[in-house]
Amino acid sequence: MISTRVLLASAVCMISTAPLYAAISDYQEVSCTTQPFFSANQCNQCFDGKWVKEKERVGGGNMYDMFANVASGTMQYVIYEDEHKESVAGIQLINLADAATRWNTSGAEWRVSQEILFVTDSGWTNPSRKVYFVQPGQKVKVTESVLGAGYTLESSTKNNGDYVGMVRFPVAYHEVTAGAEGPKKTHYECVAYRLDGKTATPPANTGSVSPVTPTPKPTGTASGVTVKPNPKDMTKTKTGPESLLLIAAAFFISFGLMFSLRRRA
């Protein structure tokens, strides 16, 4: 049984020299003890997801789950096709906020990664089941989202920076040690998302524009505003009735002086 499994694993698996960690897309791995909801949801490996705004979709066809065999020695991991399909169907979004935080999960479709090529198990224990072997030190993409799939945050009343949702990825596997296959184990990888602001709501278009009434300029001092005279107005010639009387008086005075001077001559 040991030699059969090893030969089969060599035929269908490719050894990877990548670091021994699992990753969801490009998210940063954090300790599962940092948040209580990680422990409450049995998370074995935790990630701090990208921040999400209202009306924004997380994932967007770019989410995938990497599973790594971090066991020491020569221990293999066995993934059965039927159990793995159940794991993929068990991917879920968990609301971490209140009831006022609403997620739209429609269209969030996940599938078995194309990197997983299941073959018939030729071992004597399960000759009819299809399996995939994960070698020690190997990391493989086990789950991926369908193009355009994801979860949309419809609305939330939480504050910026508050956790509002978490996607949990289960991976079912068996450990094989010295030819003995152990019971099914489930590895839960969890990605938590925080609220990153709210979308701006454009003002309603009423189809009309309110007219703007110009402010009248003050005229005089009744409003407490002193109005300075315009320099141009100060140079204008005045031609009112008073001016005509002065001109006539000057004319008669000049005529009288001329008559007086002639008589003396």
Protein backbone atom coordinates (compact mmCIF):
# COMPACT_ATOMS: atom_id res chain seq x y z
CA MET A 1 0.00 0.00 0.00
CA ILE A 2 2.84 2.37 0.82
CA SER A 3 4.65 1.92 -2.47
CA THR A 4 1.43 2.16 -4.47
CA ARG A 5 0.47 5.48 -2.88
CA VAL A 6 3.96 6.93 -3.30
CA LEU A 7 4.15 6.00 -6.97
CA LEU A 8 0.69 7.37 -7.61
CA ALA A 9 1.52 10.58 -5.82
CA SER A 10 4.65 11.05 -7.89
CA ALA A 11 2.61 10.63 -11.06
CA VAL A 12 -0.06 13.22 -10.28
CA CYS A 13 1.68 15.74 -8.01
CA MET A 14 4.44 18.20 -8.66
CA ILE A 15 6.73 19.13 -5.78
CA SER A 16 6.74 22.83 -4.97
CA THR A 17 9.58 24.80 -3.40
CA ALA A 18 7.24 27.62 -2.35
CA PRO A 19 7.13 28.69 1.31
CA LEU A 20 5.00 26.49 3.53
CA TYR A 21 1.96 28.64 4.03
CA ALA A 22 -1.50 28.92 2.61
CA ALA A 23 -2.78 32.12 1.09
CA ILE A 24 -6.07 33.51 -0.14
CA SER A 25 -5.10 35.56 -3.16
CA ASP A 26 -2.62 38.17 -1.93
CA TYR A 27 -4.00 38.66 1.57
CA GLN A 28 -1.74 39.03 4.57
CA GLU A 29 -1.74 36.13 7.00
CA VAL A 30 -2.40 37.00 10.65
CA SER A 31 -2.63 35.05 13.87
CA CYS A 32 -6.03 33.50 14.48
CA THR A 33 -5.81 34.75 18.06
CA THR A 34 -6.01 38.40 16.98
CA GLN A 35 -9.82 38.37 16.67
CA PRO A 36 -12.38 36.37 18.68
CA PHE A 37 -14.50 35.60 15.61
CA PHE A 38 -11.63 33.53 14.18
CA SER A 39 -11.76 31.14 17.10
CA ALA A 40 -15.55 31.16 17.20
CA ASN A 41 -15.61 29.89 13.58
CA GLN A 42 -12.90 27.23 14.07
CA CYS A 43 -10.47 29.02 11.77
CA ASN A 44 -7.12 27.25 11.46
CA GLN A 45 -5.46 29.83 9.24
CA CYS A 46 -6.46 33.48 9.14
CA PHE A 47 -5.98 36.39 6.76
CA ASP A 48 -6.64 40.11 6.87
CA GLY A 49 -8.58 40.78 3.69
CA LYS A 50 -8.67 43.96 1.68
CA TRP A 51 -10.97 46.72 2.89
CA VAL A 52 -14.37 46.94 1.26
CA LYS A 53 -16.73 49.85 0.57
CA GLU A 54 -20.48 49.77 0.32
CA LYS A 55 -21.66 48.57 -3.11
CA GLU A 56 -18.24 46.99 -3.67
CA ARG A 57 -17.67 43.33 -4.47
CA VAL A 58 -14.89 41.38 -2.81
CA GLY A 59 -13.27 38.66 -4.85
CA GLY A 60 -14.30 39.74 -8.30
CA GLY A 61 -13.10 36.54 -9.94
CA ASN A 62 -9.63 36.77 -8.40
CA MET A 63 -10.08 34.81 -5.18
CA TYR A 64 -8.54 31.38 -4.73
CA ASP A 65 -7.45 29.12 -1.92
CA MET A 66 -3.94 27.70 -1.60
CA PHE A 67 -3.51 24.57 0.52
CA ALA A 68 -0.07 23.53 1.76
CA ASN A 69 1.27 20.33 3.26
CA VAL A 70 3.22 21.67 6.22
CA ALA A 71 3.67 18.28 7.89
CA SER A 72 7.19 17.25 8.80
CA GLY A 73 8.85 14.15 7.45
CA THR A 74 7.23 12.13 4.69
CA MET A 75 3.58 12.56 5.67
CA GLN A 76 1.27 12.91 2.71
CA TYR A 77 -2.11 14.61 2.55
CA VAL A 78 -4.88 12.90 0.60
CA ILE A 79 -7.80 14.88 -0.81
CA TYR A 80 -10.80 12.88 -2.01
CA GLU A 81 -12.80 14.27 -4.89
CA ASP A 82 -16.22 13.77 -3.29
CA GLU A 83 -15.16 15.31 0.03
CA HIS A 84 -13.46 18.22 -1.69
CA LYS A 85 -16.57 19.04 -3.72
CA GLU A 86 -18.47 19.19 -0.43
CA SER A 87 -15.80 21.54 0.91
CA VAL A 88 -16.15 23.84 -2.08
CA ALA A 89 -19.92 23.87 -1.63
CA GLY A 90 -19.36 24.76 2.03
CA ILE A 91 -17.55 28.04 1.32
CA GLN A 92 -19.56 30.75 3.01
CA LEU A 93 -19.61 34.41 3.91
CA ILE A 94 -20.18 35.14 7.60
CA ASN A 95 -21.60 38.50 8.62
CA LEU A 96 -19.43 39.92 11.40
CA ALA A 97 -21.58 43.01 11.98
CA ASP A 98 -25.17 43.68 12.99
CA ALA A 99 -28.37 42.96 11.11
CA ALA A 100 -28.17 46.36 9.42
CA THR A 101 -25.06 45.17 7.53
CA ARG A 102 -26.30 43.40 4.43
CA TRP A 103 -24.30 41.25 2.01
CA ASN A 104 -25.37 40.07 -1.42
CA THR A 105 -24.11 36.52 -1.95
CA SER A 106 -25.85 35.85 -5.26
CA GLY A 107 -23.47 34.87 -8.02
CA ALA A 108 -20.69 33.93 -5.61
CA GLU A 109 -19.73 30.70 -7.36
CA TRP A 110 -16.72 28.58 -6.44
CA ARG A 111 -15.25 25.55 -8.14
CA VAL A 112 -12.49 23.00 -7.77
CA SER A 113 -9.25 24.46 -9.07
CA GLN A 114 -7.98 23.23 -12.40
CA GLU A 115 -4.67 22.46 -10.70
CA ILE A 116 -6.35 19.56 -8.88
CA LEU A 117 -6.35 16.48 -11.13
CA PHE A 118 -8.13 13.64 -9.36
CA VAL A 119 -7.20 10.07 -10.29
CA THR A 120 -8.61 6.71 -9.24
CA ASP A 121 -7.14 5.42 -6.00
CA SER A 122 -5.50 2.07 -6.71
CA GLY A 123 -5.01 1.39 -3.01
CA TRP A 124 -6.95 -1.46 -1.48
CA THR A 125 -8.93 0.74 0.94
CA ASN A 126 -10.85 2.91 -1.58
CA PRO A 127 -10.43 1.47 -5.09
CA SER A 128 -13.42 3.39 -6.49
CA ARG A 129 -12.74 6.87 -5.12
CA LYS A 130 -10.71 9.52 -6.88
CA VAL A 131 -7.93 11.17 -4.95
CA TYR A 132 -5.27 13.85 -5.10
CA PHE A 133 -2.02 13.63 -3.12
CA VAL A 134 -0.33 16.65 -1.61
CA GLN A 135 3.32 15.87 -0.95
CA PRO A 136 5.33 17.26 1.98
CA GLY A 137 6.30 20.83 1.17
CA GLN A 138 3.82 21.12 -1.68
CA LYS A 139 1.42 24.02 -2.05
CA VAL A 140 -1.49 23.76 -4.46
CA LYS A 141 -4.47 25.86 -5.46
CA VAL A 142 -7.49 23.81 -4.40
CA THR A 143 -10.36 26.27 -4.88
CA GLU A 144 -10.97 29.22 -7.17
CA SER A 145 -13.81 31.59 -7.87
CA VAL A 146 -15.71 31.65 -11.13
CA LEU A 147 -14.89 34.71 -13.20
CA GLY A 148 -16.76 37.68 -11.82
CA ALA A 149 -17.88 35.87 -8.66
CA GLY A 150 -17.71 37.43 -5.24
CA TYR A 151 -19.67 38.94 -2.38
CA THR A 152 -21.10 42.47 -2.47
CA LEU A 153 -21.46 44.63 0.62
CA GLU A 154 -24.82 46.30 0.08
CA SER A 155 -24.94 48.49 3.18
CA SER A 156 -23.57 48.81 6.69
CA THR A 157 -24.07 51.06 9.70
CA LYS A 158 -20.68 50.20 11.17
CA ASN A 159 -17.80 52.65 11.50
CA ASN A 160 -14.81 52.77 9.19
CA GLY A 161 -12.29 50.11 10.17
CA ASP A 162 -14.86 47.79 11.76
CA TYR A 163 -14.93 44.17 10.62
CA VAL A 164 -18.08 43.53 8.60
CA GLY A 165 -17.62 40.10 7.00
CA MET A 166 -15.50 36.98 6.70
CA VAL A 167 -15.20 34.32 4.00
CA ARG A 168 -14.45 30.82 5.33
CA PHE A 169 -12.87 28.16 3.10
CA PRO A 170 -13.00 24.55 4.33
CA VAL A 171 -10.57 21.97 2.95
CA ALA A 172 -11.14 18.29 3.79
CA TYR A 173 -8.07 16.03 3.79
CA HIS A 174 -6.55 12.87 5.32
CA GLU A 175 -3.07 12.34 6.68
CA VAL A 176 -1.16 9.27 5.52
CA THR A 177 1.61 8.09 7.85
CA ALA A 178 3.54 4.86 7.28
CA GLY A 179 0.87 3.66 4.90
CA ALA A 180 -1.97 4.24 7.34
CA GLU A 181 -4.64 6.71 6.40
CA GLY A 182 -6.09 8.79 9.20
CA PRO A 183 -9.64 10.12 9.61
CA LYS A 184 -10.95 13.11 7.69
CA LYS A 185 -9.79 16.47 8.93
CA THR A 186 -11.08 19.87 7.89
CA HIS A 187 -8.77 22.83 7.54
CA TYR A 188 -10.59 26.17 7.72
CA GLU A 189 -9.02 29.23 6.14
CA CYS A 190 -10.72 32.54 6.96
CA VAL A 191 -10.44 35.98 5.38
CA ALA A 192 -11.88 38.96 7.29
CA TYR A 193 -12.88 42.27 5.70
CA ARG A 194 -13.16 45.74 7.23
CA LEU A 195 -15.36 48.65 6.20
CA ASP A 196 -13.52 51.21 4.11
CA GLY A 197 -15.81 54.22 4.00
CA LYS A 198 -19.19 54.67 2.44
CA THR A 199 -20.10 55.43 -1.15
CA ALA A 200 -21.06 59.04 -1.82
CA THR A 201 -24.75 59.59 -2.62
CA PRO A 202 -25.18 62.15 -5.43
CA PRO A 203 -27.79 64.89 -4.82
CA ALA A 204 -31.20 64.39 -6.36
CA ASN A 205 -31.67 66.12 -9.71
CA THR A 206 -34.86 68.21 -9.53
CA GLY A 207 -34.56 69.48 -13.09
CA SER A 208 -34.67 73.15 -12.07
CA VAL A 209 -32.21 75.73 -10.85
CA SER A 210 -33.17 78.25 -8.16
CA PRO A 211 -32.68 81.85 -9.34
CA VAL A 212 -30.08 83.90 -7.56
CA THR A 213 -31.30 87.33 -6.40
CA PRO A 214 -28.51 89.93 -6.48
CA THR A 215 -27.93 91.89 -3.30
CA PRO A 216 -28.71 95.60 -3.84
CA LYS A 217 -25.91 98.04 -3.19
CA PRO A 218 -26.43 100.53 -0.34
CA THR A 219 -27.49 104.07 -1.40
CA GLY A 220 -26.81 106.62 1.32
CA THR A 221 -26.21 106.19 5.01
CA ALA A 222 -29.56 104.78 6.11
CA SER A 223 -28.05 101.31 6.40
CA GLY A 224 -25.03 102.57 8.26
CA VAL A 225 -22.82 102.36 5.20
CA THR A 226 -21.01 105.51 4.14
CA VAL A 227 -20.94 105.99 0.39
CA LYS A 228 -17.99 107.94 -0.96
CA PRO A 229 -18.65 110.25 -3.90
CA ASN A 230 -17.44 109.24 -7.30
CA PRO A 231 -14.43 111.37 -8.36
CA LYS A 232 -15.94 111.72 -11.85
CA ASP A 233 -19.06 113.26 -10.40
CA MET A 234 -16.93 115.90 -8.63
CA THR A 235 -15.66 117.35 -11.99
CA LYS A 236 -19.03 117.79 -13.67
CA THR A 237 -20.36 121.38 -14.40
CA LYS A 238 -23.58 122.30 -12.61
CA THR A 239 -26.22 124.16 -14.70
CA GLY A 240 -29.10 124.60 -12.30
CA PRO A 241 -31.24 127.83 -11.65
CA GLU A 242 -28.74 129.20 -9.13
CA SER A 243 -26.03 129.24 -11.78
CA LEU A 244 -28.17 131.24 -14.22
CA LEU A 245 -28.90 133.98 -11.62
CA LEU A 246 -25.21 134.39 -10.88
CA ILE A 247 -24.40 134.73 -14.57
CA ALA A 248 -27.10 137.42 -15.03
CA ALA A 249 -25.92 139.40 -11.99
CA ALA A 250 -22.36 139.35 -13.26
CA PHE A 251 -23.57 140.62 -16.64
CA PHE A 252 -25.42 143.63 -15.15
CA ILE A 253 -22.51 144.48 -12.88
CA SER A 254 -20.12 144.48 -15.83
CA PHE A 255 -22.52 146.61 -17.93
CA GLY A 256 -22.86 149.16 -15.10
CA LEU A 257 -19.12 149.48 -14.70
CA MET A 258 -18.68 150.08 -18.41
CA PHE A 259 -21.36 152.84 -18.44
CA SER A 260 -19.83 154.55 -15.42
CA LEU A 261 -16.38 154.58 -16.99
CA ARG A 262 -17.68 156.20 -20.22
CA ARG A 263 -19.41 159.06 -18.37
CA ARG A 264 -16.20 159.90 -16.52
CA ALA A 265 -14.33 160.02 -19.73
